């Protein structure tokens, strides 16, 4: 099922393609259009009424943050686990994401917060200098950590904080549930505890 919100019928992108897919696969695809010109702005209750009573599959959200929040709440109200809800966030890159000040491992005299990190199955230990975000520290130590925007908007650098505490400077992608699961953004997280243990899958 695709719930597709647009301002009007004329503004629906790929309308003909979607109609064709529905005609060719009527038992596999259902498209429900929410048109602002007919229904007004989407609401959590309105979206909830369009969903199955017990959704049993994953859900993928894309659009303005406020809309995704509404859709998330509607899906949870319909019985879907928050673990099965995924967001796609697009943002403009405002800086060179491939620029790092150091290309190789740092000197052995590093000071700062000791960090143990599992990055995509590889174990690393390093020190994060004071007032430095974890992503910068990892890149400076030659660790191939994932990232995209470095602005706290995309979630590509998300990690699970196993031990310790960090302070995030910006968070425009993680929701309350994810924060409660100790998911953080490496590009915005500055250690504020004596040590850090983290995992990037």
C-alpha atoms as a PDB file:
ATOM      1  CA  UNK A   1       0.000   0.000   0.000  1.00  0.00           C
ATOM      2  CA  UNK A   2       1.198   3.474  -0.918  1.00  0.00           C
ATOM      3  CA  UNK A   3      -0.369   6.501   0.745  1.00  0.00           C
ATOM      4  CA  UNK A   4       0.667   9.407  -1.450  1.00  0.00           C
ATOM      5  CA  UNK A   5       0.075  12.971  -0.227  1.00  0.00           C
ATOM      6  CA  UNK A   6       0.097  15.870  -2.681  1.00  0.00           C
ATOM      7  CA  UNK A   7      -1.408  19.342  -2.973  1.00  0.00           C
ATOM      8  CA  UNK A   8      -3.650  18.476  -5.932  1.00  0.00           C
ATOM      9  CA  UNK A   9      -4.176  15.850  -8.629  1.00  0.00           C
ATOM     10  CA  UNK A  10      -2.135  17.964 -11.026  1.00  0.00           C
ATOM     11  CA  UNK A  11       0.897  17.913  -8.719  1.00  0.00           C
ATOM     12  CA  UNK A  12       1.097  14.114  -8.352  1.00  0.00           C
ATOM     13  CA  UNK A  13       4.458  12.972  -9.695  1.00  0.00           C
ATOM     14  CA  UNK A  14       4.508   9.697 -11.663  1.00  0.00           C
ATOM     15  CA  UNK A  15       0.703   9.555 -11.587  1.00  0.00           C
ATOM     16  CA  UNK A  16       0.436   7.721 -14.931  1.00  0.00           C
ATOM     17  CA  UNK A  17       3.185   5.269 -13.978  1.00  0.00           C
ATOM     18  CA  UNK A  18       1.505   4.470 -10.658  1.00  0.00           C
ATOM     19  CA  UNK A  19      -1.871   4.008 -12.351  1.00  0.00           C
ATOM     20  CA  UNK A  20      -0.284   1.613 -14.820  1.00  0.00           C
ATOM     21  CA  UNK A  21       1.378  -0.390 -12.033  1.00  0.00           C
ATOM     22  CA  UNK A  22      -1.928  -0.684 -10.167  1.00  0.00           C
ATOM     23  CA  UNK A  23      -3.678  -1.913 -13.318  1.00  0.00           C
ATOM     24  CA  UNK A  24      -0.986  -4.502 -14.002  1.00  0.00           C
ATOM     25  CA  UNK A  25      -0.660  -5.671 -10.379  1.00  0.00           C
ATOM     26  CA  UNK A  26      -4.042  -5.063  -8.707  1.00  0.00           C
ATOM     27  CA  UNK A  27      -3.464  -7.688  -6.015  1.00  0.00           C
ATOM     28  CA  UNK A  28       0.019  -6.439  -5.128  1.00  0.00           C
ATOM     29  CA  UNK A  29      -0.256  -2.656  -5.158  1.00  0.00           C
ATOM     30  CA  UNK A  30      -2.818  -0.244  -3.774  1.00  0.00           C
ATOM     31  CA  UNK A  31      -2.330   3.507  -4.090  1.00  0.00           C
ATOM     32  CA  UNK A  32      -4.338   5.870  -1.905  1.00  0.00           C
ATOM     33  CA  UNK A  33      -4.048   9.548  -2.783  1.00  0.00           C
ATOM     34  CA  UNK A  34      -4.361  12.208  -0.107  1.00  0.00           C
ATOM     35  CA  UNK A  35      -4.960  15.472  -1.962  1.00  0.00           C
ATOM     36  CA  UNK A  36      -4.708  18.645   0.074  1.00  0.00           C
ATOM     37  CA  UNK A  37      -7.133  20.318  -2.350  1.00  0.00           C
ATOM     38  CA  UNK A  38      -9.815  17.794  -1.327  1.00  0.00           C
ATOM     39  CA  UNK A  39      -8.989  16.809   2.261  1.00  0.00           C
ATOM     40  CA  UNK A  40      -6.839  19.604   3.620  1.00  0.00           C
ATOM     41  CA  UNK A  41      -3.471  18.946   5.266  1.00  0.00           C
ATOM     42  CA  UNK A  42      -2.786  15.357   6.395  1.00  0.00           C
ATOM     43  CA  UNK A  43      -3.587  14.517  10.007  1.00  0.00           C
ATOM     44  CA  UNK A  44      -2.538  11.586  12.176  1.00  0.00           C
ATOM     45  CA  UNK A  45      -6.166  10.510  12.589  1.00  0.00           C
ATOM     46  CA  UNK A  46      -6.866  10.806   8.886  1.00  0.00           C
ATOM     47  CA  UNK A  47      -3.808   8.771   7.967  1.00  0.00           C
ATOM     48  CA  UNK A  48      -4.607   6.182  10.630  1.00  0.00           C
ATOM     49  CA  UNK A  49      -8.070   5.654   9.119  1.00  0.00           C
ATOM     50  CA  UNK A  50      -6.482   4.783   5.770  1.00  0.00           C
ATOM     51  CA  UNK A  51      -4.225   2.072   7.176  1.00  0.00           C
ATOM     52  CA  UNK A  52      -4.950  -1.606   7.802  1.00  0.00           C
ATOM     53  CA  UNK A  53      -6.018  -2.387  11.351  1.00  0.00           C
ATOM     54  CA  UNK A  54      -2.963  -4.595  11.929  1.00  0.00           C
ATOM     55  CA  UNK A  55      -0.166  -3.781   9.478  1.00  0.00           C
ATOM     56  CA  UNK A  56       2.321  -6.635   9.316  1.00  0.00           C
ATOM     57  CA  UNK A  57       5.078  -5.242   7.112  1.00  0.00           C
ATOM     58  CA  UNK A  58       7.701  -2.518   7.181  1.00  0.00           C
ATOM     59  CA  UNK A  59       6.788   1.117   6.526  1.00  0.00           C
ATOM     60  CA  UNK A  60       8.908   3.656   4.677  1.00  0.00           C
ATOM     61  CA  UNK A  61       8.375   7.390   5.116  1.00  0.00           C
ATOM     62  CA  UNK A  62       9.602  10.235   2.962  1.00  0.00           C
ATOM     63  CA  UNK A  63       8.610  13.887   2.927  1.00  0.00           C
ATOM     64  CA  UNK A  64       8.631  16.938   5.209  1.00  0.00           C
ATOM     65  CA  UNK A  65       9.597  16.170   8.811  1.00  0.00           C
ATOM     66  CA  UNK A  66       6.193  17.215  10.174  1.00  0.00           C
ATOM     67  CA  UNK A  67       4.421  14.885   7.747  1.00  0.00           C
ATOM     68  CA  UNK A  68       6.730  11.981   8.634  1.00  0.00           C
ATOM     69  CA  UNK A  69       6.048  12.575  12.338  1.00  0.00           C
ATOM     70  CA  UNK A  70       2.289  12.376  11.656  1.00  0.00           C
ATOM     71  CA  UNK A  71       2.685   9.218   9.599  1.00  0.00           C
ATOM     72  CA  UNK A  72       4.920   7.661  12.272  1.00  0.00           C
ATOM     73  CA  UNK A  73       2.305   8.326  14.964  1.00  0.00           C
ATOM     74  CA  UNK A  74      -0.457   6.908  12.746  1.00  0.00           C
ATOM     75  CA  UNK A  75       1.510   3.737  12.038  1.00  0.00           C
ATOM     76  CA  UNK A  76       2.265   3.156  15.714  1.00  0.00           C
ATOM     77  CA  UNK A  77      -1.406   3.747  16.549  1.00  0.00           C
ATOM     78  CA  UNK A  78      -2.284   1.143  13.902  1.00  0.00           C
ATOM     79  CA  UNK A  79      -0.125  -1.412  15.699  1.00  0.00           C
ATOM     80  CA  UNK A  80       3.107  -1.304  13.729  1.00  0.00           C
ATOM     81  CA  UNK A  81       6.308  -1.644  15.738  1.00  0.00           C
ATOM     82  CA  UNK A  82       8.530   1.490  15.703  1.00  0.00           C
ATOM     83  CA  UNK A  83      11.393  -0.845  14.732  1.00  0.00           C
ATOM     84  CA  UNK A  84       9.607  -1.463  11.407  1.00  0.00           C
ATOM     85  CA  UNK A  85       9.312   2.233  10.485  1.00  0.00           C
ATOM     86  CA  UNK A  86      12.057   3.806   8.389  1.00  0.00           C
ATOM     87  CA  UNK A  87      12.581   7.395   7.241  1.00  0.00           C
ATOM     88  CA  UNK A  88      14.326   8.741   4.174  1.00  0.00           C
ATOM     89  CA  UNK A  89      15.681  12.245   4.665  1.00  0.00           C
ATOM     90  CA  UNK A  90      17.155  14.416   1.950  1.00  0.00           C
ATOM     91  CA  UNK A  91      19.265  17.474   2.652  1.00  0.00           C
ATOM     92  CA  UNK A  92      21.586  19.816   0.817  1.00  0.00           C
ATOM     93  CA  UNK A  93      25.276  19.332   1.574  1.00  0.00           C
ATOM     94  CA  UNK A  94      26.656  22.636   2.790  1.00  0.00           C
ATOM     95  CA  UNK A  95      30.276  21.574   3.185  1.00  0.00           C
ATOM     96  CA  UNK A  96      32.715  19.182   1.542  1.00  0.00           C
ATOM     97  CA  UNK A  97      31.874  15.828   3.187  1.00  0.00           C
ATOM     98  CA  UNK A  98      35.122  14.251   2.025  1.00  0.00           C
ATOM     99  CA  UNK A  99      37.460  16.788   3.574  1.00  0.00           C
ATOM    100  CA  UNK A 100      39.347  15.709   6.676  1.00  0.00           C
ATOM    101  CA  UNK A 101      42.245  17.492   8.264  1.00  0.00           C
ATOM    102  CA  UNK A 102      44.257  14.320   8.847  1.00  0.00           C
ATOM    103  CA  UNK A 103      44.449  11.405   6.406  1.00  0.00           C
ATOM    104  CA  UNK A 104      46.370   8.887   8.504  1.00  0.00           C
ATOM    105  CA  UNK A 105      46.507   7.640  12.083  1.00  0.00           C
ATOM    106  CA  UNK A 106      47.353  10.343  14.673  1.00  0.00           C
ATOM    107  CA  UNK A 107      50.374  10.478  16.898  1.00  0.00           C
ATOM    108  CA  UNK A 108      50.500   8.233  19.927  1.00  0.00           C
ATOM    109  CA  UNK A 109      50.339  11.240  22.257  1.00  0.00           C
ATOM    110  CA  UNK A 110      46.608  11.817  21.632  1.00  0.00           C
ATOM    111  CA  UNK A 111      44.598  12.957  24.619  1.00  0.00           C
ATOM    112  CA  UNK A 112      40.879  13.098  25.145  1.00  0.00           C
ATOM    113  CA  UNK A 113      38.063  10.691  25.836  1.00  0.00           C
ATOM    114  CA  UNK A 114      38.947   7.016  25.266  1.00  0.00           C
ATOM    115  CA  UNK A 115      36.561   5.447  22.761  1.00  0.00           C
ATOM    116  CA  UNK A 116      35.926   1.812  21.900  1.00  0.00           C
ATOM    117  CA  UNK A 117      34.110   1.529  18.591  1.00  0.00           C
ATOM    118  CA  UNK A 118      32.805  -1.373  16.546  1.00  0.00           C
ATOM    119  CA  UNK A 119      32.410  -0.068  13.003  1.00  0.00           C
ATOM    120  CA  UNK A 120      30.744  -2.457  10.558  1.00  0.00           C
ATOM    121  CA  UNK A 121      32.262  -5.480  12.314  1.00  0.00           C
ATOM    122  CA  UNK A 122      35.750  -4.021  12.914  1.00  0.00           C
ATOM    123  CA  UNK A 123      36.937  -3.068  16.425  1.00  0.00           C
ATOM    124  CA  UNK A 124      38.831   0.170  17.074  1.00  0.00           C
ATOM    125  CA  UNK A 125      40.122   2.118  20.055  1.00  0.00           C
ATOM    126  CA  UNK A 126      41.097   5.788  19.931  1.00  0.00           C
ATOM    127  CA  UNK A 127      40.862   9.048  21.832  1.00  0.00           C
ATOM    128  CA  UNK A 128      38.335  11.753  20.942  1.00  0.00           C
ATOM    129  CA  UNK A 129      39.873  15.197  21.589  1.00  0.00           C
ATOM    130  CA  UNK A 130      37.934  17.682  23.731  1.00  0.00           C
ATOM    131  CA  UNK A 131      35.026  19.453  22.010  1.00  0.00           C
ATOM    132  CA  UNK A 132      35.332  17.170  18.943  1.00  0.00           C
ATOM    133  CA  UNK A 133      32.493  15.155  17.433  1.00  0.00           C
ATOM    134  CA  UNK A 134      33.018  11.411  17.248  1.00  0.00           C
ATOM    135  CA  UNK A 135      32.834  11.260  13.445  1.00  0.00           C
ATOM    136  CA  UNK A 136      35.702  13.744  13.065  1.00  0.00           C
ATOM    137  CA  UNK A 137      37.775  11.822  15.592  1.00  0.00           C
ATOM    138  CA  UNK A 138      37.175   8.540  13.764  1.00  0.00           C
ATOM    139  CA  UNK A 139      38.056   9.997  10.375  1.00  0.00           C
ATOM    140  CA  UNK A 140      41.185  11.613  11.844  1.00  0.00           C
ATOM    141  CA  UNK A 141      42.222   8.175  13.104  1.00  0.00           C
ATOM    142  CA  UNK A 142      41.804   6.634   9.661  1.00  0.00           C
ATOM    143  CA  UNK A 143      38.577   4.807  10.508  1.00  0.00           C
ATOM    144  CA  UNK A 144      36.249   4.397   7.523  1.00  0.00           C
ATOM    145  CA  UNK A 145      33.080   5.457   9.339  1.00  0.00           C
ATOM    146  CA  UNK A 146      29.897   5.965   7.269  1.00  0.00           C
ATOM    147  CA  UNK A 147      28.513   9.477   6.790  1.00  0.00           C
ATOM    148  CA  UNK A 148      26.840  11.685   4.208  1.00  0.00           C
ATOM    149  CA  UNK A 149      25.719  15.174   5.231  1.00  0.00           C
ATOM    150  CA  UNK A 150      27.740  15.876   8.417  1.00  0.00           C
ATOM    151  CA  UNK A 151      24.926  18.278   9.351  1.00  0.00           C
ATOM    152  CA  UNK A 152      22.788  16.053  11.598  1.00  0.00           C
ATOM    153  CA  UNK A 153      20.090  15.694   8.955  1.00  0.00           C
ATOM    154  CA  UNK A 154      20.484  12.371   7.138  1.00  0.00           C
ATOM    155  CA  UNK A 155      21.161   9.697   9.777  1.00  0.00           C
ATOM    156  CA  UNK A 156      23.848   7.917   7.745  1.00  0.00           C
ATOM    157  CA  UNK A 157      26.320   8.147  10.653  1.00  0.00           C
ATOM    158  CA  UNK A 158      23.880   6.851  13.298  1.00  0.00           C
ATOM    159  CA  UNK A 159      25.380   4.599  15.978  1.00  0.00           C
ATOM    160  CA  UNK A 160      24.280   2.850  19.159  1.00  0.00           C
ATOM    161  CA  UNK A 161      25.806   4.126  22.371  1.00  0.00           C
ATOM    162  CA  UNK A 162      26.580   1.018  24.431  1.00  0.00           C
ATOM    163  CA  UNK A 163      28.208   2.887  27.318  1.00  0.00           C
ATOM    164  CA  UNK A 164      28.962   6.491  28.196  1.00  0.00           C
ATOM    165  CA  UNK A 165      27.188   9.702  27.339  1.00  0.00           C
ATOM    166  CA  UNK A 166      27.399  12.196  24.491  1.00  0.00           C
ATOM    167  CA  UNK A 167      25.861  15.572  23.741  1.00  0.00           C
ATOM    168  CA  UNK A 168      24.387  16.030  20.274  1.00  0.00           C
ATOM    169  CA  UNK A 169      24.766  19.498  18.779  1.00  0.00           C
ATOM    170  CA  UNK A 170      22.090  18.973  16.106  1.00  0.00           C
ATOM    171  CA  UNK A 171      19.468  16.264  15.570  1.00  0.00           C
ATOM    172  CA  UNK A 172      17.029  16.617  12.684  1.00  0.00           C
ATOM    173  CA  UNK A 173      16.500  12.923  11.967  1.00  0.00           C
ATOM    174  CA  UNK A 174      16.330  10.737  15.104  1.00  0.00           C
ATOM    175  CA  UNK A 175      12.944  10.470  16.790  1.00  0.00           C
ATOM    176  CA  UNK A 176      12.150  10.006  20.484  1.00  0.00           C
ATOM    177  CA  UNK A 177      11.985   6.221  20.164  1.00  0.00           C
ATOM    178  CA  UNK A 178      15.421   6.021  18.563  1.00  0.00           C
ATOM    179  CA  UNK A 179      16.893   8.358  21.179  1.00  0.00           C
ATOM    180  CA  UNK A 180      15.411   6.098  23.850  1.00  0.00           C
ATOM    181  CA  UNK A 181      17.205   3.163  22.227  1.00  0.00           C
ATOM    182  CA  UNK A 182      20.475   5.143  22.649  1.00  0.00           C
ATOM    183  CA  UNK A 183      20.887   5.799  18.936  1.00  0.00           C
ATOM    184  CA  UNK A 184      22.975   8.910  18.278  1.00  0.00           C
ATOM    185  CA  UNK A 185      24.557  10.757  15.341  1.00  0.00           C
ATOM    186  CA  UNK A 186      28.339  10.483  15.168  1.00  0.00           C
ATOM    187  CA  UNK A 187      28.664  13.721  13.199  1.00  0.00           C
ATOM    188  CA  UNK A 188      27.035  15.687  16.042  1.00  0.00           C
ATOM    189  CA  UNK A 189      28.008  13.744  19.187  1.00  0.00           C
ATOM    190  CA  UNK A 190      30.597  15.153  21.587  1.00  0.00           C
ATOM    191  CA  UNK A 191      31.600  12.853  24.491  1.00  0.00           C
ATOM    192  CA  UNK A 192      30.641  14.171  27.928  1.00  0.00           C
ATOM    193  CA  UNK A 193      31.603  11.086  29.965  1.00  0.00           C
ATOM    194  CA  UNK A 194      34.897   9.494  30.944  1.00  0.00           C
ATOM    195  CA  UNK A 195      34.747   6.895  28.156  1.00  0.00           C
ATOM    196  CA  UNK A 196      32.591   5.868  25.213  1.00  0.00           C
ATOM    197  CA  UNK A 197      31.644   2.444  23.839  1.00  0.00           C
ATOM    198  CA  UNK A 198      29.768   2.594  20.536  1.00  0.00           C
ATOM    199  CA  UNK A 199      28.615   0.410  17.629  1.00  0.00           C
ATOM    200  CA  UNK A 200      28.033   1.358  13.996  1.00  0.00           C
ATOM    201  CA  UNK A 201      26.430  -1.509  12.092  1.00  0.00           C
END
